[in-house]
Amino acid sequence: MKIAFLFLCALTLLAQPAPEHQGNFNIRFEPSAKLQTGVQVPFQITVTDSLRKPLIQAKVTLQIETLDGKNVTVYKAPAVNPGVYVAKPVFPFSGEWNVYVEVHRDNQMTARTIQFSVPQ
């Protein structure tokens, strides 16, 4: 009985995901169309590893939020080329917005935030 309990404990520990570490990825992003409200605005996100090689098979998300931390929306950014991802957020109204990109791969994560002014 003790062996079965120890075996179950070991399986539980192994099933837990490993903690994430700083990825040291280089993230560059910018809108590839005019910033405006009410329409999808494509953001091209280029991600490289520490050796400046395209980061492939990463999970990339882009989040928009107003400066007060309200109106938060997260968008998936699928890969369109090796190391290049695209998200298409919709800004519901004009103003100052934080655009936050998060990149995950192999228990590593890197993030970057840039502030954008969205006109009407």
Protein backbone atom coordinates (compact mmCIF):
# COMPACT_ATOMS: atom_id res chain seq x y z
CA MET A 1 0.00 0.00 0.00
CA LYS A 2 2.86 2.38 0.83
CA ILE A 3 4.49 1.70 -2.52
CA ALA A 4 1.26 2.52 -4.37
CA PHE A 5 0.93 5.78 -2.40
CA LEU A 6 4.52 6.77 -3.16
CA PHE A 7 3.99 5.92 -6.82
CA LEU A 8 0.89 8.14 -6.96
CA CYS A 9 2.77 11.00 -5.27
CA ALA A 10 5.62 10.69 -7.77
CA LEU A 11 3.18 10.73 -10.70
CA THR A 12 1.50 13.83 -9.31
CA LEU A 13 4.82 15.65 -9.07
CA LEU A 14 5.81 14.63 -12.60
CA ALA A 15 2.46 15.76 -14.02
CA GLN A 16 2.93 19.32 -12.80
CA PRO A 17 4.27 21.67 -15.46
CA ALA A 18 7.78 22.95 -15.01
CA PRO A 19 8.01 26.58 -13.88
CA GLU A 20 8.66 29.10 -16.63
CA HIS A 21 11.93 30.97 -16.84
CA GLN A 22 12.96 34.18 -18.56
CA GLY A 23 13.22 33.33 -22.26
CA ASN A 24 15.59 36.07 -23.38
CA PHE A 25 13.67 36.28 -26.67
CA ASN A 26 13.90 39.45 -28.76
CA ILE A 27 10.38 40.73 -29.53
CA ARG A 28 9.67 43.44 -32.11
CA PHE A 29 6.17 44.44 -33.12
CA GLU A 30 4.33 47.18 -34.90
CA PRO A 31 1.05 47.69 -36.71
CA SER A 32 1.22 46.90 -40.43
CA ALA A 33 -1.80 49.11 -41.15
CA LYS A 34 -3.04 52.47 -39.97
CA LEU A 35 -4.14 52.48 -36.32
CA GLN A 36 -7.88 53.14 -36.15
CA THR A 37 -10.95 52.13 -34.19
CA GLY A 38 -13.55 49.50 -34.99
CA VAL A 39 -11.52 47.42 -37.47
CA GLN A 40 -8.90 44.69 -37.25
CA VAL A 41 -5.43 46.24 -37.20
CA PRO A 42 -2.75 43.65 -38.06
CA PHE A 43 0.33 43.71 -35.85
CA GLN A 44 3.39 41.92 -37.17
CA ILE A 45 5.36 40.36 -34.31
CA THR A 46 8.91 39.23 -35.03
CA VAL A 47 10.54 36.98 -32.43
CA THR A 48 14.14 35.79 -32.38
CA ASP A 49 16.09 33.73 -29.89
CA SER A 50 19.26 34.83 -28.10
CA LEU A 51 21.29 33.89 -31.20
CA ARG A 52 19.06 36.16 -33.38
CA LYS A 53 17.52 33.15 -35.15
CA PRO A 54 13.75 33.10 -35.82
CA LEU A 55 11.85 31.59 -32.91
CA ILE A 56 9.57 28.89 -34.29
CA GLN A 57 6.77 26.91 -32.64
CA ALA A 58 6.13 29.54 -29.98
CA LYS A 59 2.81 30.48 -28.41
CA VAL A 60 2.40 34.21 -28.99
CA THR A 61 -0.39 36.43 -27.71
CA LEU A 62 -1.06 40.15 -28.04
CA GLN A 63 -3.08 41.97 -25.40
CA ILE A 64 -4.54 45.46 -25.64
CA GLU A 65 -5.67 47.51 -22.67
CA THR A 66 -6.31 51.13 -21.82
CA LEU A 67 -3.80 52.91 -19.60
CA ASP A 68 -6.07 52.48 -16.57
CA GLY A 69 -5.92 48.69 -17.02
CA LYS A 70 -9.51 48.37 -18.17
CA ASN A 71 -10.85 47.18 -21.53
CA VAL A 72 -8.43 44.24 -21.70
CA THR A 73 -8.62 41.90 -24.69
CA VAL A 74 -6.18 39.11 -25.59
CA TYR A 75 -5.61 37.93 -29.17
CA LYS A 76 -3.79 34.84 -30.39
CA ALA A 77 -1.00 35.49 -32.87
CA PRO A 78 -0.51 32.54 -35.23
CA ALA A 79 2.75 32.08 -37.12
CA VAL A 80 2.80 33.29 -40.72
CA ASN A 81 6.52 32.67 -41.37
CA PRO A 82 9.37 31.32 -39.24
CA GLY A 83 9.68 33.71 -36.31
CA VAL A 84 6.89 35.98 -37.60
CA TYR A 85 3.46 36.05 -35.95
CA VAL A 86 0.40 38.21 -36.64
CA ALA A 87 -2.38 39.31 -34.30
CA LYS A 88 -5.33 41.46 -35.37
CA PRO A 89 -6.69 43.44 -32.43
CA VAL A 90 -9.73 45.68 -32.66
CA PHE A 91 -9.47 48.93 -30.71
CA PRO A 92 -13.03 49.80 -29.65
CA PHE A 93 -12.36 53.53 -29.17
CA SER A 94 -9.61 56.10 -29.63
CA GLY A 95 -7.06 56.96 -26.96
CA GLU A 96 -3.85 55.71 -25.41
CA TRP A 97 -3.47 51.92 -25.39
CA ASN A 98 -0.85 49.55 -23.98
CA VAL A 99 -0.05 46.72 -26.37
CA TYR A 100 1.51 43.78 -24.55
CA VAL A 101 3.04 40.81 -26.37
CA GLU A 102 3.87 37.58 -24.56
CA VAL A 103 5.92 34.74 -26.07
CA HIS A 104 6.10 31.22 -24.58
CA ARG A 105 8.24 28.29 -25.70
CA ASP A 106 9.77 25.32 -23.85
CA ASN A 107 8.97 26.63 -20.35
CA GLN A 108 10.45 30.01 -21.21
CA MET A 109 8.59 33.31 -21.47
CA THR A 110 9.44 36.84 -22.58
CA ALA A 111 7.09 39.83 -22.77
CA ARG A 112 7.20 43.39 -24.05
CA THR A 113 4.82 46.36 -23.79
CA ILE A 114 4.60 49.40 -26.09
CA GLN A 115 2.16 52.28 -25.76
CA PHE A 116 0.23 53.39 -28.86
CA SER A 117 -2.07 56.32 -29.51
CA VAL A 118 -5.12 55.27 -31.52
CA PRO A 119 -6.90 58.12 -33.35
CA GLN A 120 -10.56 58.02 -34.33
